[in-house]
N, C-alpha and C. Protein backbone atom coordinates (compact mmCIF):
# COMPACT_ATOMS: atom_id res chain seq x y z
N MET A 1 137.55 110.00 72.27
CA MET A 1 136.32 109.35 71.85
C MET A 1 135.99 109.72 70.40
N PRO A 2 135.42 108.80 69.64
CA PRO A 2 135.14 109.07 68.24
C PRO A 2 133.99 110.05 68.07
N GLU A 3 134.05 110.81 66.98
CA GLU A 3 132.92 111.69 66.66
C GLU A 3 131.81 110.81 66.11
N LEU A 4 130.61 110.98 66.67
CA LEU A 4 129.52 110.08 66.32
C LEU A 4 128.71 110.61 65.15
N ASN A 5 128.51 109.74 64.13
CA ASN A 5 127.59 110.08 63.07
C ASN A 5 126.19 109.62 63.49
N LEU A 6 125.20 109.77 62.62
CA LEU A 6 123.83 109.45 62.99
C LEU A 6 123.68 107.98 63.36
N ILE A 7 124.29 107.09 62.57
CA ILE A 7 124.16 105.65 62.84
C ILE A 7 124.80 105.30 64.18
N SER A 8 125.99 105.83 64.43
CA SER A 8 126.67 105.55 65.70
C SER A 8 125.88 106.11 66.88
N THR A 9 125.31 107.30 66.70
CA THR A 9 124.52 107.92 67.76
C THR A 9 123.31 107.05 68.10
N LEU A 10 122.62 106.57 67.06
CA LEU A 10 121.48 105.69 67.29
C LEU A 10 121.92 104.40 67.98
N PHE A 11 123.08 103.87 67.58
CA PHE A 11 123.59 102.62 68.14
C PHE A 11 123.84 102.76 69.64
N VAL A 12 124.50 103.84 70.06
CA VAL A 12 124.88 103.97 71.47
C VAL A 12 123.72 104.47 72.34
N PHE A 13 122.72 105.12 71.75
CA PHE A 13 121.59 105.63 72.53
C PHE A 13 120.43 104.64 72.60
N VAL A 14 120.05 104.10 71.45
CA VAL A 14 118.81 103.34 71.38
C VAL A 14 118.84 102.08 72.24
N ILE A 15 119.95 101.33 72.20
CA ILE A 15 120.01 100.07 72.95
C ILE A 15 119.84 100.29 74.45
N PRO A 16 120.62 101.17 75.09
CA PRO A 16 120.42 101.35 76.54
C PRO A 16 119.07 101.96 76.90
N VAL A 17 118.55 102.86 76.06
CA VAL A 17 117.26 103.48 76.36
C VAL A 17 116.14 102.45 76.28
N ILE A 18 116.14 101.64 75.22
CA ILE A 18 115.10 100.62 75.06
C ILE A 18 115.13 99.62 76.21
N PHE A 19 116.33 99.17 76.58
CA PHE A 19 116.43 98.21 77.68
C PHE A 19 116.03 98.86 79.00
N ALA A 20 116.35 100.13 79.19
CA ALA A 20 116.03 100.81 80.44
C ALA A 20 114.52 100.85 80.66
N VAL A 21 113.76 101.24 79.63
CA VAL A 21 112.31 101.35 79.79
C VAL A 21 111.63 99.98 79.76
N THR A 22 112.18 99.06 78.96
CA THR A 22 111.56 97.73 78.84
C THR A 22 111.72 96.93 80.13
N VAL A 23 112.93 96.84 80.65
CA VAL A 23 113.16 96.07 81.87
C VAL A 23 112.43 96.71 83.05
N HIS A 24 112.35 98.04 83.06
CA HIS A 24 111.61 98.75 84.11
C HIS A 24 110.16 98.26 84.15
N GLU A 25 109.51 98.21 82.99
CA GLU A 25 108.11 97.79 82.94
C GLU A 25 107.96 96.30 83.23
N VAL A 26 108.85 95.48 82.70
CA VAL A 26 108.77 94.05 82.96
C VAL A 26 108.92 93.77 84.46
N ALA A 27 109.76 94.53 85.14
CA ALA A 27 109.96 94.35 86.58
C ALA A 27 108.65 94.57 87.33
N HIS A 28 107.89 95.60 86.94
CA HIS A 28 106.58 95.82 87.57
C HIS A 28 105.70 94.59 87.41
N GLY A 29 105.59 94.11 86.16
CA GLY A 29 104.72 92.97 85.89
C GLY A 29 105.17 91.70 86.55
N TRP A 30 106.48 91.47 86.59
CA TRP A 30 107.02 90.24 87.18
C TRP A 30 106.75 90.21 88.69
N VAL A 31 106.98 91.34 89.36
CA VAL A 31 106.73 91.39 90.80
C VAL A 31 105.24 91.26 91.09
N ALA A 32 104.40 91.91 90.28
CA ALA A 32 102.96 91.77 90.45
C ALA A 32 102.54 90.31 90.29
N SER A 33 103.15 89.62 89.33
CA SER A 33 102.84 88.21 89.11
C SER A 33 103.22 87.37 90.33
N ARG A 34 104.37 87.68 90.91
CA ARG A 34 104.81 86.94 92.10
C ARG A 34 103.91 87.21 93.30
N LEU A 35 103.25 88.38 93.30
CA LEU A 35 102.40 88.75 94.43
C LEU A 35 100.93 88.41 94.19
N GLY A 36 100.64 87.74 93.07
CA GLY A 36 99.29 87.24 92.86
C GLY A 36 98.52 87.79 91.68
N ASP A 37 99.01 88.87 91.05
CA ASP A 37 98.27 89.43 89.92
C ASP A 37 98.91 88.99 88.61
N GLN A 38 98.15 88.24 87.81
CA GLN A 38 98.67 87.69 86.56
C GLN A 38 98.23 88.51 85.34
N THR A 39 97.74 89.74 85.56
CA THR A 39 97.21 90.54 84.46
C THR A 39 98.26 90.77 83.38
N ALA A 40 99.44 91.25 83.77
CA ALA A 40 100.49 91.53 82.79
C ALA A 40 100.94 90.25 82.09
N LYS A 41 101.03 89.16 82.84
CA LYS A 41 101.45 87.88 82.26
C LYS A 41 100.44 87.40 81.23
N SER A 42 99.15 87.51 81.54
CA SER A 42 98.11 87.05 80.63
C SER A 42 98.04 87.89 79.36
N MET A 43 98.54 89.13 79.42
CA MET A 43 98.53 90.02 78.26
C MET A 43 99.85 89.97 77.49
N GLY A 44 100.76 89.05 77.89
CA GLY A 44 102.02 88.90 77.18
C GLY A 44 103.01 90.02 77.42
N ARG A 45 102.88 90.72 78.57
CA ARG A 45 103.76 91.86 78.84
C ARG A 45 105.00 91.48 79.65
N LEU A 46 105.11 90.23 80.08
CA LEU A 46 106.32 89.81 80.79
C LEU A 46 107.35 89.31 79.78
N THR A 47 107.75 90.19 78.90
CA THR A 47 108.70 89.87 77.85
C THR A 47 109.65 91.03 77.64
N LEU A 48 110.88 90.71 77.24
CA LEU A 48 111.85 91.76 76.94
C LEU A 48 111.74 92.25 75.50
N ASN A 49 110.74 91.76 74.78
CA ASN A 49 110.49 92.26 73.43
C ASN A 49 110.01 93.71 73.53
N PRO A 50 110.82 94.68 73.10
CA PRO A 50 110.46 96.09 73.29
C PRO A 50 109.17 96.48 72.56
N LEU A 51 108.81 95.76 71.50
CA LEU A 51 107.61 96.10 70.75
C LEU A 51 106.35 95.98 71.61
N LYS A 52 106.42 95.13 72.64
CA LYS A 52 105.28 94.96 73.54
C LYS A 52 105.11 96.13 74.51
N HIS A 53 106.16 96.95 74.62
CA HIS A 53 106.14 98.01 75.63
C HIS A 53 106.20 99.42 75.04
N ILE A 54 106.34 99.52 73.73
CA ILE A 54 106.50 100.83 73.10
C ILE A 54 105.18 101.59 73.10
N ASP A 55 105.23 102.83 73.55
CA ASP A 55 104.11 103.75 73.44
C ASP A 55 104.46 104.72 72.31
N PRO A 56 103.65 104.79 71.25
CA PRO A 56 104.01 105.63 70.09
C PRO A 56 104.33 107.07 70.46
N VAL A 57 103.60 107.60 71.44
CA VAL A 57 103.83 108.99 71.85
C VAL A 57 105.01 109.08 72.82
N GLY A 58 104.93 108.29 73.92
CA GLY A 58 105.92 108.41 74.98
C GLY A 58 107.28 107.83 74.68
N THR A 59 107.32 106.80 73.82
CA THR A 59 108.59 106.13 73.54
C THR A 59 109.26 106.64 72.27
N ILE A 60 108.47 107.21 71.36
CA ILE A 60 109.02 107.63 70.07
C ILE A 60 108.90 109.14 69.86
N LEU A 61 107.65 109.64 69.86
CA LEU A 61 107.42 111.04 69.49
C LEU A 61 108.03 112.03 70.49
N VAL A 62 107.68 111.87 71.77
CA VAL A 62 108.16 112.82 72.78
C VAL A 62 109.69 112.79 72.91
N PRO A 63 110.35 111.60 73.02
CA PRO A 63 111.81 111.60 73.08
C PRO A 63 112.47 112.25 71.87
N ALA A 64 111.91 112.02 70.67
CA ALA A 64 112.49 112.61 69.46
C ALA A 64 112.39 114.12 69.50
N ILE A 65 111.22 114.64 69.88
CA ILE A 65 111.03 116.10 69.97
C ILE A 65 111.96 116.68 71.02
N MET A 66 112.04 116.02 72.20
CA MET A 66 112.90 116.51 73.27
C MET A 66 114.36 116.51 72.86
N TYR A 67 114.79 115.46 72.15
CA TYR A 67 116.20 115.36 71.76
C TYR A 67 116.58 116.48 70.80
N PHE A 68 115.75 116.69 69.76
CA PHE A 68 116.09 117.70 68.76
C PHE A 68 115.84 119.13 69.27
N ALA A 69 114.99 119.27 70.30
CA ALA A 69 114.71 120.59 70.84
C ALA A 69 115.71 121.01 71.91
N SER A 70 116.16 120.01 72.70
CA SER A 70 117.01 120.38 73.83
C SER A 70 118.25 119.50 73.99
N GLY A 71 118.32 118.39 73.23
CA GLY A 71 119.44 117.47 73.39
C GLY A 71 119.25 116.51 74.53
N PHE A 72 118.11 116.61 75.23
CA PHE A 72 117.82 115.72 76.36
C PHE A 72 116.70 114.76 75.98
N ILE A 73 116.81 113.50 76.40
CA ILE A 73 115.79 112.50 76.09
C ILE A 73 114.89 112.31 77.30
N PHE A 74 113.59 112.46 77.05
CA PHE A 74 112.59 112.23 78.09
C PHE A 74 111.42 111.49 77.46
N GLY A 75 110.94 110.45 78.11
CA GLY A 75 109.83 109.71 77.56
C GLY A 75 109.39 108.61 78.50
N TRP A 76 108.50 107.75 78.01
CA TRP A 76 107.99 106.68 78.84
C TRP A 76 107.53 105.51 77.97
N ALA A 77 107.42 104.35 78.57
CA ALA A 77 106.91 103.18 77.87
C ALA A 77 105.44 102.98 78.22
N LYS A 78 104.82 102.01 77.56
CA LYS A 78 103.43 101.68 77.86
C LYS A 78 103.38 101.03 79.24
N PRO A 79 102.64 101.59 80.19
CA PRO A 79 102.62 101.02 81.54
C PRO A 79 102.12 99.59 81.55
N VAL A 80 102.75 98.76 82.37
CA VAL A 80 102.29 97.39 82.56
C VAL A 80 101.04 97.41 83.44
N PRO A 81 99.96 96.76 83.00
CA PRO A 81 98.72 96.78 83.80
C PRO A 81 98.85 95.95 85.06
N VAL A 82 98.37 96.50 86.17
CA VAL A 82 98.36 95.79 87.45
C VAL A 82 96.96 95.94 88.06
N ASN A 83 96.34 94.83 88.42
CA ASN A 83 95.03 94.85 89.07
C ASN A 83 95.22 94.65 90.56
N TRP A 84 95.09 95.72 91.32
CA TRP A 84 95.36 95.66 92.76
C TRP A 84 94.43 94.71 93.49
N ARG A 85 93.26 94.42 92.92
CA ARG A 85 92.31 93.52 93.57
C ARG A 85 92.85 92.09 93.65
N ASN A 86 93.79 91.74 92.80
CA ASN A 86 94.34 90.39 92.80
C ASN A 86 95.50 90.22 93.78
N LEU A 87 95.93 91.30 94.39
CA LEU A 87 97.08 91.25 95.29
C LEU A 87 96.64 90.86 96.70
N GLY A 88 97.48 90.12 97.38
CA GLY A 88 97.13 89.66 98.72
C GLY A 88 96.97 90.79 99.72
N HIS A 89 97.88 91.75 99.68
CA HIS A 89 97.83 92.92 100.55
C HIS A 89 97.94 94.16 99.65
N PRO A 90 96.82 94.62 99.11
CA PRO A 90 96.83 95.61 98.02
C PRO A 90 97.70 96.84 98.26
N ARG A 91 97.57 97.50 99.39
CA ARG A 91 98.34 98.73 99.61
C ARG A 91 99.83 98.44 99.68
N ARG A 92 100.21 97.45 100.48
CA ARG A 92 101.63 97.10 100.60
C ARG A 92 102.19 96.59 99.29
N ASP A 93 101.43 95.68 98.66
CA ASP A 93 101.92 95.05 97.44
C ASP A 93 102.03 96.03 96.28
N MET A 94 101.12 97.00 96.19
CA MET A 94 101.22 98.01 95.14
C MET A 94 102.49 98.83 95.31
N ALA A 95 102.88 99.09 96.55
CA ALA A 95 104.13 99.82 96.80
C ALA A 95 105.33 98.99 96.35
N ILE A 96 105.28 97.68 96.63
CA ILE A 96 106.38 96.79 96.23
C ILE A 96 106.46 96.71 94.71
N VAL A 97 105.30 96.59 94.05
CA VAL A 97 105.25 96.56 92.58
C VAL A 97 105.82 97.85 92.01
N ALA A 98 105.46 98.98 92.62
CA ALA A 98 105.93 100.27 92.13
C ALA A 98 107.44 100.41 92.26
N ILE A 99 107.99 100.01 93.41
CA ILE A 99 109.42 100.19 93.65
C ILE A 99 110.26 99.24 92.80
N ALA A 100 109.63 98.19 92.23
CA ALA A 100 110.36 97.23 91.39
C ALA A 100 110.94 97.89 90.15
N GLY A 101 110.24 98.89 89.60
CA GLY A 101 110.75 99.57 88.40
C GLY A 101 112.06 100.30 88.65
N PRO A 102 112.10 101.23 89.62
CA PRO A 102 113.37 101.89 89.94
C PRO A 102 114.45 100.91 90.38
N ALA A 103 114.06 99.83 91.08
CA ALA A 103 115.05 98.82 91.48
C ALA A 103 115.68 98.17 90.26
N ALA A 104 114.87 97.92 89.23
CA ALA A 104 115.40 97.35 87.99
C ALA A 104 116.38 98.31 87.33
N ASN A 105 116.06 99.62 87.37
CA ASN A 105 116.99 100.61 86.82
C ASN A 105 118.29 100.64 87.60
N LEU A 106 118.22 100.45 88.91
CA LEU A 106 119.44 100.40 89.73
C LEU A 106 120.31 99.22 89.30
N LEU A 107 119.71 98.05 89.10
CA LEU A 107 120.47 96.88 88.66
C LEU A 107 121.07 97.10 87.28
N MET A 108 120.31 97.76 86.40
CA MET A 108 120.82 98.00 85.05
C MET A 108 121.96 99.00 85.03
N LEU A 109 121.89 100.04 85.86
CA LEU A 109 122.99 101.00 85.87
C LEU A 109 124.26 100.35 86.41
N LEU A 110 124.10 99.42 87.37
CA LEU A 110 125.26 98.69 87.88
C LEU A 110 125.83 97.77 86.79
N PHE A 111 124.93 97.16 86.00
CA PHE A 111 125.38 96.31 84.89
C PHE A 111 126.22 97.13 83.91
N TRP A 112 125.72 98.30 83.50
CA TRP A 112 126.45 99.13 82.54
C TRP A 112 127.77 99.63 83.13
N ALA A 113 127.78 99.94 84.42
CA ALA A 113 129.02 100.39 85.07
C ALA A 113 130.05 99.27 85.10
N ILE A 114 129.61 98.05 85.41
CA ILE A 114 130.53 96.90 85.43
C ILE A 114 131.04 96.61 84.03
N PHE A 115 130.14 96.72 83.04
CA PHE A 115 130.53 96.51 81.65
C PHE A 115 131.61 97.51 81.24
N ALA A 116 131.44 98.77 81.63
CA ALA A 116 132.44 99.80 81.32
C ALA A 116 133.77 99.48 82.00
N LYS A 117 133.71 99.03 83.24
CA LYS A 117 134.94 98.68 83.97
C LYS A 117 135.65 97.51 83.29
N MET A 118 134.89 96.54 82.80
CA MET A 118 135.49 95.39 82.11
C MET A 118 136.19 95.82 80.83
N ILE A 119 135.62 96.79 80.13
CA ILE A 119 136.26 97.30 78.92
C ILE A 119 137.61 97.93 79.26
N VAL A 120 137.62 98.72 80.36
CA VAL A 120 138.85 99.39 80.77
C VAL A 120 139.89 98.36 81.22
N LEU A 121 139.45 97.35 81.98
CA LEU A 121 140.38 96.36 82.53
C LEU A 121 140.85 95.34 81.51
N SER A 122 140.18 95.27 80.35
CA SER A 122 140.56 94.27 79.35
C SER A 122 141.98 94.48 78.84
N GLY A 123 142.43 95.73 78.86
CA GLY A 123 143.79 96.02 78.43
C GLY A 123 143.98 96.00 76.93
N ASN A 124 142.89 95.77 76.19
CA ASN A 124 142.99 95.74 74.73
C ASN A 124 143.19 97.15 74.18
N GLU A 125 143.86 97.22 73.05
CA GLU A 125 144.05 98.51 72.38
C GLU A 125 142.69 99.04 71.96
N PRO A 126 142.34 100.27 72.36
CA PRO A 126 141.02 100.83 72.01
C PRO A 126 140.84 100.88 70.50
N ASN A 127 139.67 100.47 70.06
CA ASN A 127 139.31 100.61 68.66
C ASN A 127 137.94 101.28 68.58
N HIS A 128 137.46 101.47 67.37
CA HIS A 128 136.20 102.20 67.21
C HIS A 128 135.05 101.51 67.93
N LEU A 129 135.00 100.18 67.86
CA LEU A 129 133.90 99.45 68.49
C LEU A 129 133.94 99.56 70.01
N THR A 130 135.14 99.36 70.59
CA THR A 130 135.22 99.43 72.06
C THR A 130 134.94 100.84 72.56
N GLN A 131 135.32 101.86 71.76
CA GLN A 131 135.00 103.23 72.15
C GLN A 131 133.50 103.48 72.12
N LEU A 132 132.84 102.94 71.10
CA LEU A 132 131.38 103.08 71.03
C LEU A 132 130.71 102.34 72.19
N LEU A 133 131.21 101.16 72.52
CA LEU A 133 130.65 100.40 73.63
C LEU A 133 130.84 101.13 74.95
N PHE A 134 132.00 101.79 75.11
CA PHE A 134 132.25 102.54 76.34
C PHE A 134 131.29 103.72 76.45
N ILE A 135 131.06 104.40 75.33
CA ILE A 135 130.09 105.51 75.32
C ILE A 135 128.70 104.98 75.65
N MET A 136 128.35 103.82 75.06
CA MET A 136 127.05 103.22 75.34
C MET A 136 126.90 102.91 76.83
N CYS A 137 127.96 102.42 77.45
CA CYS A 137 127.92 102.14 78.89
C CYS A 137 127.62 103.40 79.69
N GLY A 138 128.30 104.49 79.32
CA GLY A 138 128.07 105.76 80.01
C GLY A 138 126.63 106.22 79.87
N ILE A 139 126.08 106.07 78.66
CA ILE A 139 124.69 106.44 78.43
C ILE A 139 123.77 105.51 79.21
N GLY A 140 124.10 104.21 79.24
CA GLY A 140 123.30 103.26 79.99
C GLY A 140 123.26 103.60 81.47
N VAL A 141 124.40 103.95 82.04
CA VAL A 141 124.44 104.36 83.44
C VAL A 141 123.59 105.61 83.65
N THR A 142 123.80 106.61 82.80
CA THR A 142 123.13 107.89 82.98
C THR A 142 121.62 107.78 82.83
N ILE A 143 121.16 107.11 81.76
CA ILE A 143 119.71 107.04 81.51
C ILE A 143 119.02 106.26 82.62
N ASN A 144 119.69 105.23 83.16
CA ASN A 144 119.06 104.47 84.24
C ASN A 144 119.04 105.24 85.55
N ILE A 145 120.06 106.06 85.79
CA ILE A 145 120.03 106.93 86.96
C ILE A 145 118.88 107.92 86.85
N VAL A 146 118.75 108.53 85.68
CA VAL A 146 117.68 109.51 85.47
C VAL A 146 116.31 108.86 85.64
N LEU A 147 116.10 107.70 85.02
CA LEU A 147 114.81 107.02 85.13
C LEU A 147 114.52 106.58 86.56
N MET A 148 115.54 106.09 87.25
CA MET A 148 115.36 105.64 88.62
C MET A 148 114.92 106.80 89.52
N ILE A 149 115.65 107.89 89.46
CA ILE A 149 115.37 109.02 90.34
C ILE A 149 114.10 109.75 89.93
N LEU A 150 113.90 109.92 88.62
CA LEU A 150 112.67 110.57 88.15
C LEU A 150 111.44 109.78 88.58
N ASN A 151 111.48 108.46 88.45
CA ASN A 151 110.32 107.65 88.81
C ASN A 151 110.08 107.60 90.31
N LEU A 152 111.07 107.95 91.11
CA LEU A 152 110.88 108.01 92.55
C LEU A 152 110.28 109.33 93.00
N PHE A 153 110.12 110.28 92.07
CA PHE A 153 109.51 111.57 92.41
C PHE A 153 108.07 111.31 92.88
N PRO A 154 107.66 111.85 94.02
CA PRO A 154 106.37 111.47 94.63
C PRO A 154 105.16 112.15 94.01
N ILE A 155 104.90 111.84 92.76
CA ILE A 155 103.71 112.36 92.10
C ILE A 155 103.14 111.25 91.21
N LEU A 156 101.86 111.07 91.24
CA LEU A 156 101.21 110.08 90.38
C LEU A 156 101.18 110.58 88.95
N PRO A 157 101.38 109.71 87.96
CA PRO A 157 101.41 108.24 88.04
C PRO A 157 102.81 107.64 88.18
N LEU A 158 103.80 108.43 88.62
CA LEU A 158 105.15 107.90 88.79
C LEU A 158 105.18 106.91 89.95
N ASP A 159 106.21 106.07 89.95
CA ASP A 159 106.32 105.03 90.97
C ASP A 159 106.40 105.61 92.38
N GLY A 160 107.10 106.73 92.51
CA GLY A 160 107.19 107.37 93.82
C GLY A 160 105.83 107.81 94.33
N GLY A 161 104.96 108.24 93.41
CA GLY A 161 103.61 108.61 93.80
C GLY A 161 102.81 107.42 94.29
N ARG A 162 103.02 106.26 93.66
CA ARG A 162 102.30 105.05 94.09
C ARG A 162 102.80 104.58 95.46
N VAL A 163 104.09 104.71 95.68
CA VAL A 163 104.63 104.34 97.00
C VAL A 163 104.07 105.28 98.06
N LEU A 164 104.03 106.59 97.75
CA LEU A 164 103.49 107.56 98.71
C LEU A 164 102.02 107.28 98.99
N THR A 165 101.25 106.93 97.95
CA THR A 165 99.84 106.61 98.13
C THR A 165 99.67 105.45 99.10
N ALA A 166 100.53 104.44 98.97
CA ALA A 166 100.45 103.27 99.85
C ALA A 166 100.83 103.61 101.29
N MET A 167 101.70 104.60 101.45
CA MET A 167 102.17 104.95 102.79
C MET A 167 101.22 105.90 103.52
N LEU A 168 100.46 106.68 102.76
CA LEU A 168 99.56 107.65 103.38
C LEU A 168 98.36 106.95 104.02
N PRO A 169 97.82 107.50 105.09
CA PRO A 169 96.57 106.95 105.65
C PRO A 169 95.45 107.14 104.63
N PRO A 170 94.43 106.28 104.67
CA PRO A 170 93.37 106.34 103.67
C PRO A 170 92.74 107.72 103.48
N ASN A 171 92.56 108.47 104.56
CA ASN A 171 91.91 109.78 104.44
C ASN A 171 92.75 110.77 103.65
N LEU A 172 94.07 110.50 103.49
CA LEU A 172 94.93 111.34 102.67
C LEU A 172 95.23 110.67 101.33
N ALA A 173 95.32 109.34 101.33
CA ALA A 173 95.64 108.61 100.10
C ALA A 173 94.56 108.78 99.04
N ILE A 174 93.29 108.78 99.45
CA ILE A 174 92.18 108.88 98.50
C ILE A 174 92.19 110.21 97.76
N PRO A 175 92.26 111.36 98.46
CA PRO A 175 92.32 112.62 97.71
C PRO A 175 93.60 112.77 96.89
N PHE A 176 94.70 112.24 97.39
CA PHE A 176 95.96 112.31 96.64
C PHE A 176 95.85 111.52 95.34
N SER A 177 95.22 110.34 95.40
CA SER A 177 95.08 109.50 94.21
C SER A 177 94.21 110.16 93.15
N ARG A 178 93.35 111.09 93.54
CA ARG A 178 92.49 111.78 92.58
C ARG A 178 93.27 112.76 91.71
N LEU A 179 94.52 113.01 92.07
CA LEU A 179 95.35 113.91 91.26
C LEU A 179 95.98 113.19 90.07
N GLU A 180 95.88 111.85 90.02
CA GLU A 180 96.57 111.09 88.99
C GLU A 180 96.22 111.53 87.56
N PRO A 181 94.94 111.81 87.23
CA PRO A 181 94.64 112.25 85.85
C PRO A 181 95.38 113.51 85.43
N TYR A 182 95.83 114.29 86.40
CA TYR A 182 96.52 115.55 86.11
C TYR A 182 98.03 115.42 86.31
N GLY A 183 98.48 114.21 86.68
CA GLY A 183 99.89 114.03 87.03
C GLY A 183 100.84 114.32 85.89
N LEU A 184 100.50 113.85 84.68
CA LEU A 184 101.39 114.06 83.54
C LEU A 184 101.48 115.54 83.20
N ILE A 185 100.35 116.25 83.30
CA ILE A 185 100.34 117.69 83.03
C ILE A 185 101.23 118.40 84.05
N ILE A 186 101.08 118.03 85.33
CA ILE A 186 101.91 118.64 86.37
C ILE A 186 103.38 118.35 86.13
N LEU A 187 103.68 117.10 85.74
CA LEU A 187 105.07 116.70 85.51
C LEU A 187 105.68 117.49 84.36
N VAL A 188 104.95 117.62 83.25
CA VAL A 188 105.45 118.37 82.09
C VAL A 188 105.64 119.84 82.45
N ALA A 189 104.72 120.40 83.23
CA ALA A 189 104.85 121.80 83.66
C ALA A 189 106.10 121.99 84.51
N LEU A 190 106.33 121.06 85.44
CA LEU A 190 107.54 121.13 86.28
C LEU A 190 108.80 120.96 85.44
N LEU A 191 108.71 120.11 84.41
CA LEU A 191 109.87 119.85 83.54
C LEU A 191 110.24 121.11 82.76
N PHE A 192 109.26 121.71 82.09
CA PHE A 192 109.56 122.85 81.23
C PHE A 192 109.81 124.14 82.02
N SER A 193 109.33 124.19 83.26
CA SER A 193 109.61 125.36 84.09
C SER A 193 111.01 125.30 84.68
N GLY A 194 111.62 124.11 84.64
CA GLY A 194 112.97 123.94 85.21
C GLY A 194 112.95 123.54 86.67
N ILE A 195 111.78 123.57 87.30
CA ILE A 195 111.69 123.26 88.72
C ILE A 195 112.06 121.81 88.99
N LEU A 196 111.57 120.92 88.11
CA LEU A 196 111.82 119.49 88.32
C LEU A 196 113.30 119.19 88.34
N TRP A 197 114.07 119.76 87.39
CA TRP A 197 115.49 119.46 87.31
C TRP A 197 116.28 120.12 88.43
N LYS A 198 115.79 121.25 88.95
CA LYS A 198 116.44 121.85 90.11
C LYS A 198 116.34 120.92 91.32
N ILE A 199 115.22 120.19 91.40
CA ILE A 199 115.02 119.26 92.50
C ILE A 199 115.82 117.98 92.30
N LEU A 200 115.80 117.45 91.06
CA LEU A 200 116.37 116.13 90.80
C LEU A 200 117.86 116.14 90.49
N THR A 201 118.37 117.25 89.91
CA THR A 201 119.77 117.28 89.47
C THR A 201 120.78 116.93 90.56
N PRO A 202 120.63 117.44 91.80
CA PRO A 202 121.60 117.05 92.84
C PRO A 202 121.62 115.54 93.09
N PHE A 203 120.46 114.89 93.05
CA PHE A 203 120.40 113.45 93.27
C PHE A 203 121.00 112.69 92.09
N ILE A 204 120.69 113.15 90.87
CA ILE A 204 121.24 112.51 89.67
C ILE A 204 122.75 112.68 89.63
N GLY A 205 123.21 113.92 89.85
CA GLY A 205 124.65 114.19 89.83
C GLY A 205 125.39 113.45 90.92
N GLY A 206 124.79 113.39 92.11
CA GLY A 206 125.44 112.70 93.22
C GLY A 206 125.57 111.21 92.97
N THR A 207 124.53 110.61 92.40
CA THR A 207 124.57 109.18 92.09
C THR A 207 125.60 108.90 90.99
N LEU A 208 125.63 109.76 89.97
CA LEU A 208 126.60 109.59 88.89
C LEU A 208 128.03 109.71 89.41
N THR A 209 128.26 110.66 90.30
CA THR A 209 129.58 110.83 90.89
C THR A 209 129.97 109.61 91.73
N LEU A 210 129.01 109.07 92.48
CA LEU A 210 129.27 107.90 93.31
C LEU A 210 129.66 106.70 92.44
N ILE A 211 128.94 106.48 91.35
CA ILE A 211 129.25 105.35 90.47
C ILE A 211 130.63 105.54 89.84
N SER A 212 130.95 106.77 89.45
CA SER A 212 132.27 107.04 88.86
C SER A 212 133.38 106.78 89.87
N GLN A 213 133.14 107.16 91.12
CA GLN A 213 134.15 106.93 92.15
C GLN A 213 134.32 105.45 92.45
N LEU A 214 133.21 104.71 92.48
CA LEU A 214 133.28 103.29 92.78
C LEU A 214 133.98 102.50 91.67
N THR A 215 133.77 102.92 90.44
CA THR A 215 134.37 102.20 89.30
C THR A 215 135.73 102.76 88.92
N GLN A 216 136.04 103.98 89.44
CA GLN A 216 137.29 104.65 89.11
C GLN A 216 137.44 104.91 87.62
N ILE A 217 136.31 105.15 86.95
CA ILE A 217 136.33 105.55 85.55
C ILE A 217 135.35 106.70 85.35
N PRO A 218 135.67 107.61 84.43
CA PRO A 218 134.76 108.74 84.19
C PRO A 218 133.53 108.29 83.41
N ILE A 219 132.37 108.38 84.04
CA ILE A 219 131.11 108.02 83.37
C ILE A 219 130.29 109.29 83.23
N THR A 220 129.99 109.64 81.98
CA THR A 220 129.22 110.86 81.74
C THR A 220 128.07 110.56 80.82
């Protein structure tokens, strides 16, 4: 694999990361629209234009600090607004809207894995561009696995927390939902303490291994 300079690094990282967070958010809004809530659509958020979804802190500042501090990228996009009052079955539909984000990441990681397999099967002599594209595919698979599994973690405001809220009986869902204002603080504390990655790493590693075995190519 080629040694990456700054431009090449940005090329192979930025494209899969932007698409991972953008499609994730659009999936929430699109499913909400199908279930009766047009809030995201009316605000122009059902678009793949990343500028509509960028959060200056979560999409730019935090990932940059994390990358230069630890080599790991962590961040978030601007959440797509959903008004549960417009949904036909609010509790059920909010869970469906929430799970749409990780489902989109699952589809994207499969896309990047298939793209990588096509590069290998093309039989063309490897050149600098195809090597960069193969690296990009690996990053696309990895970042979407991380986002999918991280967002399924059962804490608000993550998607897994919203699914859990919908599944809990009202007498438990209401007090659980009151933790949402503190969710990001709890998440950051779990992240920097290492506890979060001890919980998630086996799932991330297992999924990455499964994709590598299915495609018969090393994806890292």
